[in-house]
Amino acid sequence: MTNREKLQDLLQDILLLDPSEFRFDLARDEVETWDSMSVVAIAVGVDETFGYHMSPDEAMRVSGVRDIIGILEEKGISFAE
C-alpha cells in the first residue's frame, strides 16, 4: 500500500468519507466532520501510520489534505505517485 493510499484510508475512516468523496485537494472547510476532535484523531493517526508526531501547532494549522502531505514530505515521507 502506498503512502497516498494509507493517508486516504486514514482520512476516510476519521472523517467518515466515502471513497468517492475523497480528493487530495480536499480542504477542511469542505468537510462537515473535520472538526477539532478530527484534528486530534488525524494527528494520532498520522503518528501511528507514518511514525511522525505532529505538534499541536502543526495539527491546528492543517487546512486540507495537501497540508498533511506537505508536513510529512518535509520529514522525508514520500507521496510521489
C-alpha atoms as a PDB file:
ATOM      1  CA  MET A   1       0.000   0.000   0.000  1.00  0.00           C
ATOM      2  CA  THR A   2       1.402   3.416  -0.958  1.00  0.00           C
ATOM      3  CA  ASN A   3       1.619   6.348   1.422  1.00  0.00           C
ATOM      4  CA  ARG A   4      -1.100   8.089  -0.593  1.00  0.00           C
ATOM      5  CA  GLU A   5      -3.387   5.077  -0.110  1.00  0.00           C
ATOM      6  CA  LYS A   6      -2.559   4.926   3.605  1.00  0.00           C
ATOM      7  CA  LEU A   7      -3.392   8.607   4.056  1.00  0.00           C
ATOM      8  CA  GLN A   8      -6.581   8.278   2.052  1.00  0.00           C
ATOM      9  CA  ASP A   9      -7.728   5.296   4.146  1.00  0.00           C
ATOM     10  CA  LEU A  10      -6.870   7.115   7.372  1.00  0.00           C
ATOM     11  CA  LEU A  11      -8.775  10.265   6.445  1.00  0.00           C
ATOM     12  CA  GLN A  12     -11.768   8.406   5.044  1.00  0.00           C
ATOM     13  CA  ASP A  13     -12.064   6.494   8.316  1.00  0.00           C
ATOM     14  CA  ILE A  14     -11.690   9.527  10.571  1.00  0.00           C
ATOM     15  CA  LEU A  15     -13.798  11.926   8.516  1.00  0.00           C
ATOM     16  CA  LEU A  16     -16.417   9.307   7.607  1.00  0.00           C
ATOM     17  CA  LEU A  17     -15.974   9.872   3.889  1.00  0.00           C
ATOM     18  CA  ASP A  18     -16.949   7.547   1.077  1.00  0.00           C
ATOM     19  CA  PRO A  19     -14.110   6.872  -1.357  1.00  0.00           C
ATOM     20  CA  SER A  20     -15.982   8.917  -3.978  1.00  0.00           C
ATOM     21  CA  GLU A  21     -15.916  11.971  -1.663  1.00  0.00           C
ATOM     22  CA  PHE A  22     -12.175  11.915  -1.043  1.00  0.00           C
ATOM     23  CA  ARG A  23      -9.771  14.131  -3.016  1.00  0.00           C
ATOM     24  CA  PHE A  24      -6.147  15.011  -2.328  1.00  0.00           C
ATOM     25  CA  ASP A  25      -7.066  18.694  -2.721  1.00  0.00           C
ATOM     26  CA  LEU A  26      -9.872  18.419  -0.160  1.00  0.00           C
ATOM     27  CA  ALA A  27      -9.982  21.365   2.245  1.00  0.00           C
ATOM     28  CA  ARG A  28     -11.002  21.254   5.890  1.00  0.00           C
ATOM     29  CA  ASP A  29     -13.857  23.708   5.347  1.00  0.00           C
ATOM     30  CA  GLU A  30     -15.389  21.380   2.731  1.00  0.00           C
ATOM     31  CA  VAL A  31     -15.849  18.538   5.221  1.00  0.00           C
ATOM     32  CA  GLU A  32     -18.540  18.875   7.870  1.00  0.00           C
ATOM     33  CA  THR A  33     -16.977  16.163  10.028  1.00  0.00           C
ATOM     34  CA  TRP A  34     -13.495  17.791  10.055  1.00  0.00           C
ATOM     35  CA  ASP A  35     -13.777  19.384  13.484  1.00  0.00           C
ATOM     36  CA  SER A  36     -11.425  19.787  16.456  1.00  0.00           C
ATOM     37  CA  MET A  37     -11.890  16.167  17.511  1.00  0.00           C
ATOM     38  CA  SER A  38     -10.998  15.061  13.990  1.00  0.00           C
ATOM     39  CA  VAL A  39      -7.834  17.177  14.135  1.00  0.00           C
ATOM     40  CA  VAL A  40      -6.708  15.214  17.192  1.00  0.00           C
ATOM     41  CA  ALA A  41      -7.652  11.903  15.571  1.00  0.00           C
ATOM     42  CA  ILE A  42      -5.749  12.835  12.394  1.00  0.00           C
ATOM     43  CA  ALA A  43      -2.635  13.756  14.403  1.00  0.00           C
ATOM     44  CA  VAL A  44      -2.793  10.430  16.274  1.00  0.00           C
ATOM     45  CA  GLY A  45      -3.440   8.536  13.042  1.00  0.00           C
ATOM     46  CA  VAL A  46      -0.504  10.204  11.306  1.00  0.00           C
ATOM     47  CA  ASP A  47       1.730   9.198  14.213  1.00  0.00           C
ATOM     48  CA  GLU A  48       0.517   5.595  14.145  1.00  0.00           C
ATOM     49  CA  THR A  49       0.564   5.270  10.350  1.00  0.00           C
ATOM     50  CA  PHE A  50       3.644   7.259   9.381  1.00  0.00           C
ATOM     51  CA  GLY A  51       5.640   7.456  12.617  1.00  0.00           C
ATOM     52  CA  TYR A  52       5.615  11.253  12.745  1.00  0.00           C
ATOM     53  CA  HIS A  53       4.226  13.043  15.790  1.00  0.00           C
ATOM     54  CA  MET A  54       2.638  16.302  14.655  1.00  0.00           C
ATOM     55  CA  SER A  55       2.950  19.184  17.101  1.00  0.00           C
ATOM     56  CA  PRO A  56      -0.323  20.732  18.299  1.00  0.00           C
ATOM     57  CA  ASP A  57       0.518  23.858  16.258  1.00  0.00           C
ATOM     58  CA  GLU A  58       1.079  21.792  13.107  1.00  0.00           C
ATOM     59  CA  ALA A  59      -2.160  19.894  13.614  1.00  0.00           C
ATOM     60  CA  MET A  60      -4.179  23.081  14.111  1.00  0.00           C
ATOM     61  CA  ARG A  61      -2.640  24.766  11.030  1.00  0.00           C
ATOM     62  CA  VAL A  62      -3.723  21.961   8.717  1.00  0.00           C
ATOM     63  CA  SER A  63      -6.338  23.362   6.368  1.00  0.00           C
ATOM     64  CA  GLY A  64      -6.526  20.425   3.986  1.00  0.00           C
ATOM     65  CA  VAL A  65      -5.086  17.149   2.790  1.00  0.00           C
ATOM     66  CA  ARG A  66      -2.279  18.919   0.932  1.00  0.00           C
ATOM     67  CA  ASP A  67      -1.064  20.433   4.217  1.00  0.00           C
ATOM     68  CA  ILE A  68      -0.772  16.983   5.789  1.00  0.00           C
ATOM     69  CA  ILE A  69       1.172  15.727   2.782  1.00  0.00           C
ATOM     70  CA  GLY A  70       3.432  18.790   2.917  1.00  0.00           C
ATOM     71  CA  ILE A  71       4.227  18.272   6.601  1.00  0.00           C
ATOM     72  CA  LEU A  72       5.048  14.608   6.039  1.00  0.00           C
ATOM     73  CA  GLU A  73       7.125  15.264   2.915  1.00  0.00           C
ATOM     74  CA  GLU A  74       9.192  17.808   4.887  1.00  0.00           C
ATOM     75  CA  LYS A  75      10.009  14.907   7.227  1.00  0.00           C
ATOM     76  CA  GLY A  76      11.144  12.701   4.346  1.00  0.00           C
ATOM     77  CA  ILE A  77       7.959  10.684   3.870  1.00  0.00           C
ATOM     78  CA  SER A  78       7.319  10.395   0.118  1.00  0.00           C
ATOM     79  CA  PHE A  79       3.927  10.800  -1.509  1.00  0.00           C
ATOM     80  CA  ALA A  80       5.145  10.516  -5.099  1.00  0.00           C
ATOM     81  CA  GLU A  81       2.776   8.586  -7.315  1.00  0.00           C
END
